[in-house]
């Protein structure tokens, strides 16, 4: 029985693309590396529409929404006091 992974080499991808396809279906996405550097991401077709249509909120949308974590921050942080002095040459 084969063990599916989340990352494969380009050589493994070329040798057995159906293995990469099965792994992408199981995990949602699989990275393919070439000489240790990421070169491809193989996605399951079910995940693609949500990524292509912007199904995930942007960072700006997330930060500007009324998020639950925002309730933990109360008041203003204390001001940092800096003391400047001249530099003797």
N, C-alpha and C. Protein backbone atom coordinates (compact mmCIF):
# COMPACT_ATOMS: atom_id res chain seq x y z
N UNK A 1 0.84 -1.18 0.00
CA UNK A 1 0.00 0.00 0.00
C UNK A 1 0.88 1.24 0.00
N UNK A 2 0.52 2.22 -0.84
CA UNK A 2 1.32 3.43 -0.95
C UNK A 2 0.98 4.42 0.16
N UNK A 3 1.97 5.21 0.55
CA UNK A 3 1.77 6.25 1.53
C UNK A 3 1.71 7.59 0.81
N UNK A 4 0.58 8.27 0.93
CA UNK A 4 0.42 9.56 0.27
C UNK A 4 1.06 10.65 1.11
N UNK A 5 1.66 11.63 0.44
CA UNK A 5 2.36 12.73 1.10
C UNK A 5 1.78 14.05 0.61
N UNK A 6 2.21 15.12 1.23
CA UNK A 6 1.82 16.47 0.82
C UNK A 6 2.88 17.12 -0.07
N UNK A 7 4.04 16.49 -0.22
CA UNK A 7 5.10 17.06 -1.05
C UNK A 7 5.82 15.95 -1.81
N UNK A 8 6.07 16.20 -3.11
CA UNK A 8 6.75 15.25 -3.97
C UNK A 8 7.81 15.97 -4.78
N UNK A 9 8.78 15.23 -5.28
CA UNK A 9 9.79 15.80 -6.16
C UNK A 9 9.26 15.81 -7.59
N UNK A 10 9.90 16.61 -8.45
CA UNK A 10 9.51 16.66 -9.86
C UNK A 10 9.70 15.30 -10.51
N UNK A 11 10.71 14.58 -10.10
CA UNK A 11 10.96 13.24 -10.65
C UNK A 11 9.80 12.30 -10.33
N UNK A 12 9.31 12.34 -9.07
CA UNK A 12 8.16 11.51 -8.70
C UNK A 12 6.91 11.93 -9.48
N UNK A 13 6.76 13.24 -9.68
CA UNK A 13 5.62 13.76 -10.44
C UNK A 13 5.65 13.24 -11.88
N UNK A 14 6.83 13.26 -12.51
CA UNK A 14 6.95 12.78 -13.89
C UNK A 14 6.78 11.26 -13.99
N UNK A 15 7.23 10.54 -12.98
CA UNK A 15 7.16 9.09 -13.01
C UNK A 15 5.74 8.58 -12.78
N UNK A 16 4.99 9.23 -11.88
CA UNK A 16 3.66 8.73 -11.52
C UNK A 16 2.70 9.89 -11.23
N UNK A 17 2.21 10.57 -12.27
CA UNK A 17 1.31 11.70 -12.02
C UNK A 17 0.00 11.30 -11.35
N UNK A 18 -0.46 10.07 -11.54
CA UNK A 18 -1.70 9.64 -10.89
C UNK A 18 -1.52 9.56 -9.37
N UNK A 19 -0.32 9.27 -8.90
CA UNK A 19 -0.04 9.27 -7.46
C UNK A 19 -0.22 10.67 -6.90
N UNK A 20 0.28 11.67 -7.62
CA UNK A 20 0.15 13.06 -7.18
C UNK A 20 -1.32 13.47 -7.20
N UNK A 21 -2.04 13.01 -8.21
CA UNK A 21 -3.46 13.31 -8.32
C UNK A 21 -4.24 12.74 -7.13
N UNK A 22 -3.95 11.52 -6.76
CA UNK A 22 -4.63 10.90 -5.60
C UNK A 22 -4.30 11.66 -4.31
N UNK A 23 -3.05 12.07 -4.17
CA UNK A 23 -2.66 12.81 -2.97
C UNK A 23 -3.37 14.17 -2.92
N UNK A 24 -3.50 14.84 -4.08
CA UNK A 24 -4.19 16.13 -4.12
C UNK A 24 -5.66 15.97 -3.76
N UNK A 25 -6.29 14.89 -4.21
CA UNK A 25 -7.69 14.65 -3.86
C UNK A 25 -7.83 14.41 -2.36
N UNK A 26 -6.85 13.74 -1.78
CA UNK A 26 -6.94 13.42 -0.35
C UNK A 26 -6.65 14.64 0.52
N UNK A 27 -5.57 15.38 0.20
CA UNK A 27 -5.15 16.49 1.05
C UNK A 27 -5.67 17.86 0.59
N UNK A 28 -6.19 17.96 -0.62
CA UNK A 28 -6.65 19.25 -1.13
C UNK A 28 -5.61 19.92 -2.00
N UNK A 29 -4.34 19.78 -1.64
CA UNK A 29 -3.25 20.33 -2.46
C UNK A 29 -1.95 19.57 -2.15
N UNK A 30 -1.07 19.56 -3.15
CA UNK A 30 0.22 18.88 -3.02
C UNK A 30 1.28 19.78 -3.64
N UNK A 31 2.42 19.93 -2.98
CA UNK A 31 3.53 20.70 -3.53
C UNK A 31 4.47 19.78 -4.28
N UNK A 32 4.98 20.29 -5.41
CA UNK A 32 5.98 19.56 -6.18
C UNK A 32 7.24 20.42 -6.19
N UNK A 33 8.37 19.82 -5.81
CA UNK A 33 9.63 20.56 -5.75
C UNK A 33 10.56 20.14 -6.87
N UNK A 34 11.38 21.06 -7.29
CA UNK A 34 12.41 20.80 -8.29
C UNK A 34 13.74 21.23 -7.70
N UNK A 35 14.61 20.26 -7.45
CA UNK A 35 15.90 20.50 -6.80
C UNK A 35 15.75 21.19 -5.46
N UNK A 36 14.75 20.77 -4.72
CA UNK A 36 14.53 21.29 -3.37
C UNK A 36 13.73 22.58 -3.29
N UNK A 37 13.46 23.22 -4.42
CA UNK A 37 12.70 24.46 -4.45
C UNK A 37 11.27 24.19 -4.90
N UNK A 38 10.27 24.81 -4.28
CA UNK A 38 8.89 24.63 -4.73
C UNK A 38 8.72 25.08 -6.18
N UNK A 39 8.05 24.25 -7.00
CA UNK A 39 7.87 24.63 -8.40
C UNK A 39 6.41 24.55 -8.84
N UNK A 40 5.63 23.64 -8.27
CA UNK A 40 4.22 23.49 -8.65
C UNK A 40 3.37 23.21 -7.42
N UNK A 41 2.10 23.56 -7.54
CA UNK A 41 1.11 23.14 -6.56
C UNK A 41 -0.01 22.49 -7.34
N UNK A 42 -0.34 21.26 -6.99
CA UNK A 42 -1.43 20.53 -7.64
C UNK A 42 -2.62 20.58 -6.69
N UNK A 43 -3.74 21.16 -7.20
CA UNK A 43 -4.94 21.31 -6.39
C UNK A 43 -6.00 20.32 -6.79
N UNK A 44 -6.79 19.92 -5.83
CA UNK A 44 -8.00 19.16 -6.12
C UNK A 44 -8.97 20.10 -6.82
N UNK A 45 -9.67 19.63 -7.84
CA UNK A 45 -10.58 20.47 -8.62
C UNK A 45 -11.68 21.08 -7.75
N UNK A 46 -12.08 20.43 -6.68
CA UNK A 46 -13.13 20.96 -5.81
C UNK A 46 -12.67 22.22 -5.08
N UNK A 47 -11.38 22.37 -4.83
CA UNK A 47 -10.86 23.55 -4.13
C UNK A 47 -10.63 24.73 -5.04
N UNK A 48 -10.46 24.49 -6.34
CA UNK A 48 -10.08 25.55 -7.26
C UNK A 48 -11.09 26.68 -7.37
N UNK A 49 -12.40 26.42 -7.52
CA UNK A 49 -13.35 27.54 -7.68
C UNK A 49 -13.32 28.54 -6.53
N UNK A 50 -13.22 28.08 -5.32
CA UNK A 50 -13.21 29.01 -4.19
C UNK A 50 -11.95 29.86 -4.19
N UNK A 51 -10.83 29.31 -4.64
CA UNK A 51 -9.60 30.10 -4.71
C UNK A 51 -9.64 31.07 -5.88
N UNK A 52 -10.16 30.62 -7.02
CA UNK A 52 -10.19 31.46 -8.22
C UNK A 52 -11.18 32.61 -8.08
N UNK A 53 -12.27 32.41 -7.37
CA UNK A 53 -13.29 33.43 -7.22
C UNK A 53 -13.07 34.31 -6.00
N UNK A 54 -11.97 34.10 -5.31
CA UNK A 54 -11.71 34.90 -4.12
C UNK A 54 -12.62 34.52 -2.97
N UNK A 55 -12.86 33.23 -2.78
CA UNK A 55 -13.74 32.77 -1.73
C UNK A 55 -13.23 33.09 -0.34
N UNK A 56 -11.93 33.27 -0.18
CA UNK A 56 -11.37 33.61 1.12
C UNK A 56 -11.32 35.12 1.28
N UNK A 57 -11.60 35.63 2.46
CA UNK A 57 -11.51 37.07 2.65
C UNK A 57 -10.05 37.53 2.62
N UNK A 58 -9.83 38.74 2.17
CA UNK A 58 -8.48 39.30 2.14
C UNK A 58 -8.07 39.67 3.56
N UNK A 59 -6.80 39.97 3.74
CA UNK A 59 -6.31 40.38 5.05
C UNK A 59 -7.00 41.67 5.49
N UNK A 60 -7.18 42.60 4.57
CA UNK A 60 -7.86 43.86 4.89
C UNK A 60 -9.30 43.61 5.34
N UNK A 61 -10.02 42.73 4.64
CA UNK A 61 -11.39 42.42 5.03
C UNK A 61 -11.44 41.77 6.41
N UNK A 62 -10.50 40.89 6.68
CA UNK A 62 -10.46 40.22 7.97
C UNK A 62 -10.18 41.20 9.10
N UNK A 63 -9.22 42.09 8.90
CA UNK A 63 -8.87 43.04 9.95
C UNK A 63 -9.93 44.11 10.16
N UNK A 64 -10.67 44.46 9.11
CA UNK A 64 -11.67 45.51 9.24
C UNK A 64 -13.01 44.98 9.76
N UNK A 65 -13.18 43.67 9.82
CA UNK A 65 -14.43 43.11 10.32
C UNK A 65 -14.43 43.09 11.84
N UNK A 66 -15.60 42.93 12.42
CA UNK A 66 -15.71 42.82 13.87
C UNK A 66 -15.38 41.39 14.27
N UNK A 67 -14.11 41.13 14.46
CA UNK A 67 -13.66 39.78 14.76
C UNK A 67 -13.72 39.52 16.27
N UNK A 68 -13.87 38.26 16.65
CA UNK A 68 -13.93 37.87 18.06
C UNK A 68 -12.64 38.22 18.79
N UNK A 69 -11.49 38.06 18.12
CA UNK A 69 -10.22 38.31 18.79
C UNK A 69 -10.05 39.77 19.13
N UNK A 70 -10.81 40.67 18.48
CA UNK A 70 -10.69 42.10 18.71
C UNK A 70 -11.17 42.49 20.11
N UNK A 71 -12.04 41.68 20.71
CA UNK A 71 -12.58 42.00 22.03
C UNK A 71 -11.53 41.87 23.13
N UNK A 72 -10.43 41.16 22.87
CA UNK A 72 -9.39 41.00 23.88
C UNK A 72 -8.58 42.27 24.08
N UNK A 73 -8.61 43.18 23.12
CA UNK A 73 -7.80 44.39 23.19
C UNK A 73 -8.65 45.50 23.80
N UNK A 74 -8.22 45.98 24.96
CA UNK A 74 -8.98 47.01 25.67
C UNK A 74 -8.05 48.19 25.92
N UNK A 75 -8.50 49.40 25.58
CA UNK A 75 -7.73 50.60 25.87
C UNK A 75 -6.56 50.80 24.92
N UNK A 76 -5.74 51.78 25.25
CA UNK A 76 -4.57 52.12 24.46
C UNK A 76 -3.32 51.53 25.10
N UNK A 77 -2.35 51.13 24.31
CA UNK A 77 -1.09 50.66 24.90
C UNK A 77 -0.34 51.83 25.52
N UNK A 78 0.50 51.56 26.53
CA UNK A 78 1.25 52.65 27.14
C UNK A 78 2.23 53.27 26.14
N UNK A 79 2.42 54.57 26.25
CA UNK A 79 3.33 55.27 25.34
C UNK A 79 4.77 54.95 25.71
N UNK A 80 5.57 54.81 24.70
CA UNK A 80 7.00 54.56 24.88
C UNK A 80 7.70 55.89 24.98
N UNK A 81 8.53 56.06 25.98
CA UNK A 81 9.25 57.31 26.16
C UNK A 81 10.68 57.13 25.69
N UNK A 82 11.11 57.99 24.79
CA UNK A 82 12.47 57.96 24.28
C UNK A 82 13.24 59.16 24.80
N UNK A 83 14.45 58.92 25.21
CA UNK A 83 15.31 60.00 25.66
C UNK A 83 16.45 60.12 24.68
N UNK A 84 16.59 61.28 24.08
CA UNK A 84 17.63 61.51 23.08
C UNK A 84 18.79 62.25 23.74
N UNK A 85 19.98 61.90 23.34
CA UNK A 85 21.16 62.62 23.83
C UNK A 85 22.10 62.83 22.66
N UNK A 86 22.95 63.78 22.78
CA UNK A 86 23.88 64.06 21.69
C UNK A 86 24.98 63.01 21.67
N UNK A 87 25.54 62.80 20.51
CA UNK A 87 26.60 61.82 20.34
C UNK A 87 27.93 62.55 20.32
N UNK A 88 28.82 62.16 21.19
CA UNK A 88 30.15 62.77 21.22
C UNK A 88 31.05 62.06 20.24
N UNK A 89 31.73 62.82 19.40
CA UNK A 89 32.60 62.22 18.37
C UNK A 89 33.96 61.92 18.91
